[in-house]
Structures are given as C-alpha cells and as structure tokens.
C-alpha cells in the first residue's frame, strides 16, 4: 500500500503527463490546421493558373454582370 504523500506525488506526475500529452495534441492540431490553410491557398492559385492557361480568362456570370437589352418602344410594328 502507498502512503498519502506517495499518492499525491503520483497524482502530480500523472497530471503533468496528461498536460504534456494535451499540449502535444494541441500543437499537432495547430500544425494540421496550418497545413490545411496552406493547401486551400495553393488550390486557389492552381485554379487561377488553370483558368489562364490558354490565355483567356474564364469567368462565370457573377453577381455583378449587367445585361443590357434594347428598349422596346413599339415602333416598326405594322398594323
């Protein structure tokens, strides 16, 4: 059987081990998050490079597209 002081010492060591493991896990997660953000940025650049490979800029019909149609005033109708 262990004494009271030994038990407290064991508790402190266990807590310290858990804290080191937790700190390592946090560090690994931060590293993965950084890699993920870097990869996302690289994909954006790769998409832009593909977009401009043939010298043309390919764009969709973004929200800022304005269509201009001639106004119909009825002139030229027979009747």
C-alpha atoms as a PDB file:
ATOM      1  CA  UNK A   1       0.000   0.000   0.000  1.00  0.00           C
ATOM      2  CA  UNK A   2       1.247   3.500  -0.794  1.00  0.00           C
ATOM      3  CA  UNK A   3       1.297   6.369   1.625  1.00  0.00           C
ATOM      4  CA  UNK A   4      -0.597   9.616   1.372  1.00  0.00           C
ATOM      5  CA  UNK A   5       2.458  11.605   0.177  1.00  0.00           C
ATOM      6  CA  UNK A   6       3.336   8.983  -2.425  1.00  0.00           C
ATOM      7  CA  UNK A   7      -0.246   9.036  -3.676  1.00  0.00           C
ATOM      8  CA  UNK A   8      -0.133  12.844  -4.065  1.00  0.00           C
ATOM      9  CA  UNK A   9       3.208  12.606  -5.853  1.00  0.00           C
ATOM     10  CA  UNK A  10       1.753  10.010  -8.222  1.00  0.00           C
ATOM     11  CA  UNK A  11      -1.244  12.277  -8.854  1.00  0.00           C
ATOM     12  CA  UNK A  12       1.052  15.246  -9.692  1.00  0.00           C
ATOM     13  CA  UNK A  13       3.137  13.125 -12.079  1.00  0.00           C
ATOM     14  CA  UNK A  14       0.021  11.808 -13.786  1.00  0.00           C
ATOM     15  CA  UNK A  15      -1.382  15.313 -14.141  1.00  0.00           C
ATOM     16  CA  UNK A  16       1.927  16.547 -15.596  1.00  0.00           C
ATOM     17  CA  UNK A  17       1.993  13.649 -18.114  1.00  0.00           C
ATOM     18  CA  UNK A  18      -1.575  14.410 -19.148  1.00  0.00           C
ATOM     19  CA  UNK A  19      -0.781  18.114 -19.547  1.00  0.00           C
ATOM     20  CA  UNK A  20       2.257  17.323 -21.755  1.00  0.00           C
ATOM     21  CA  UNK A  21       0.137  14.975 -23.885  1.00  0.00           C
ATOM     22  CA  UNK A  22      -2.600  17.611 -24.154  1.00  0.00           C
ATOM     23  CA  UNK A  23      -0.058  20.278 -25.166  1.00  0.00           C
ATOM     24  CA  UNK A  24       1.371  17.952 -27.815  1.00  0.00           C
ATOM     25  CA  UNK A  25      -2.096  17.230 -29.213  1.00  0.00           C
ATOM     26  CA  UNK A  26      -2.865  20.970 -29.373  1.00  0.00           C
ATOM     27  CA  UNK A  27       0.417  21.546 -31.199  1.00  0.00           C
ATOM     28  CA  UNK A  28      -0.341  18.779 -33.705  1.00  0.00           C
ATOM     29  CA  UNK A  29      -3.834  20.159 -34.350  1.00  0.00           C
ATOM     30  CA  UNK A  30      -2.424  23.652 -34.908  1.00  0.00           C
ATOM     31  CA  UNK A  31       0.083  22.215 -37.396  1.00  0.00           C
ATOM     32  CA  UNK A  32      -2.639  20.352 -39.281  1.00  0.00           C
ATOM     33  CA  UNK A  33      -4.788  23.474 -39.371  1.00  0.00           C
ATOM     34  CA  UNK A  34      -1.902  25.491 -40.819  1.00  0.00           C
ATOM     35  CA  UNK A  35      -1.242  22.816 -43.455  1.00  0.00           C
ATOM     36  CA  UNK A  36      -4.924  22.790 -44.346  1.00  0.00           C
ATOM     37  CA  UNK A  37      -4.993  26.568 -44.791  1.00  0.00           C
ATOM     38  CA  UNK A  38      -1.823  26.463 -46.907  1.00  0.00           C
ATOM     39  CA  UNK A  39      -3.295  23.719 -49.108  1.00  0.00           C
ATOM     40  CA  UNK A  40      -6.514  25.685 -49.550  1.00  0.00           C
ATOM     41  CA  UNK A  41      -4.453  28.680 -50.684  1.00  0.00           C
ATOM     42  CA  UNK A  42      -2.464  26.518 -53.100  1.00  0.00           C
ATOM     43  CA  UNK A  43      -5.664  25.124 -54.619  1.00  0.00           C
ATOM     44  CA  UNK A  44      -6.918  28.658 -55.209  1.00  0.00           C
ATOM     45  CA  UNK A  45      -3.678  29.547 -57.022  1.00  0.00           C
ATOM     46  CA  UNK A  46      -3.791  26.297 -59.035  1.00  0.00           C
ATOM     47  CA  UNK A  47      -7.353  27.064 -60.126  1.00  0.00           C
ATOM     48  CA  UNK A  48      -6.325  30.549 -61.249  1.00  0.00           C
ATOM     49  CA  UNK A  49      -3.364  29.098 -63.179  1.00  0.00           C
ATOM     50  CA  UNK A  50      -5.615  26.563 -64.925  1.00  0.00           C
ATOM     51  CA  UNK A  51      -8.089  29.323 -65.664  1.00  0.00           C
ATOM     52  CA  UNK A  52      -5.458  31.344 -67.511  1.00  0.00           C
ATOM     53  CA  UNK A  53      -3.551  28.518 -69.239  1.00  0.00           C
ATOM     54  CA  UNK A  54      -4.906  29.223 -72.689  1.00  0.00           C
ATOM     55  CA  UNK A  55      -4.575  32.976 -72.349  1.00  0.00           C
ATOM     56  CA  UNK A  56      -8.268  33.565 -71.768  1.00  0.00           C
ATOM     57  CA  UNK A  57      -9.855  34.424 -68.517  1.00  0.00           C
ATOM     58  CA  UNK A  58     -12.837  32.215 -67.901  1.00  0.00           C
ATOM     59  CA  UNK A  59     -15.416  33.754 -65.646  1.00  0.00           C
ATOM     60  CA  UNK A  60     -18.923  32.831 -64.750  1.00  0.00           C
ATOM     61  CA  UNK A  61     -21.918  35.103 -64.758  1.00  0.00           C
ATOM     62  CA  UNK A  62     -21.037  36.680 -61.436  1.00  0.00           C
ATOM     63  CA  UNK A  63     -23.446  38.805 -59.462  1.00  0.00           C
ATOM     64  CA  UNK A  64     -22.012  41.991 -60.969  1.00  0.00           C
ATOM     65  CA  UNK A  65     -22.927  41.084 -64.550  1.00  0.00           C
ATOM     66  CA  UNK A  66     -25.274  43.609 -66.104  1.00  0.00           C
ATOM     67  CA  UNK A  67     -27.337  42.686 -69.114  1.00  0.00           C
ATOM     68  CA  UNK A  68     -28.277  45.485 -71.491  1.00  0.00           C
ATOM     69  CA  UNK A  69     -31.243  44.904 -73.773  1.00  0.00           C
ATOM     70  CA  UNK A  70     -32.683  47.450 -76.213  1.00  0.00           C
ATOM     71  CA  UNK A  71     -35.907  49.005 -75.034  1.00  0.00           C
ATOM     72  CA  UNK A  72     -38.984  48.075 -76.990  1.00  0.00           C
ATOM     73  CA  UNK A  73     -40.916  51.186 -77.930  1.00  0.00           C
ATOM     74  CA  UNK A  74     -43.397  49.630 -80.365  1.00  0.00           C
ATOM     75  CA  UNK A  75     -42.031  51.436 -83.439  1.00  0.00           C
ATOM     76  CA  UNK A  76     -41.838  49.319 -86.528  1.00  0.00           C
ATOM     77  CA  UNK A  77     -44.921  47.303 -85.812  1.00  0.00           C
ATOM     78  CA  UNK A  78     -47.331  47.117 -88.688  1.00  0.00           C
ATOM     79  CA  UNK A  79     -50.940  47.446 -88.068  1.00  0.00           C
END
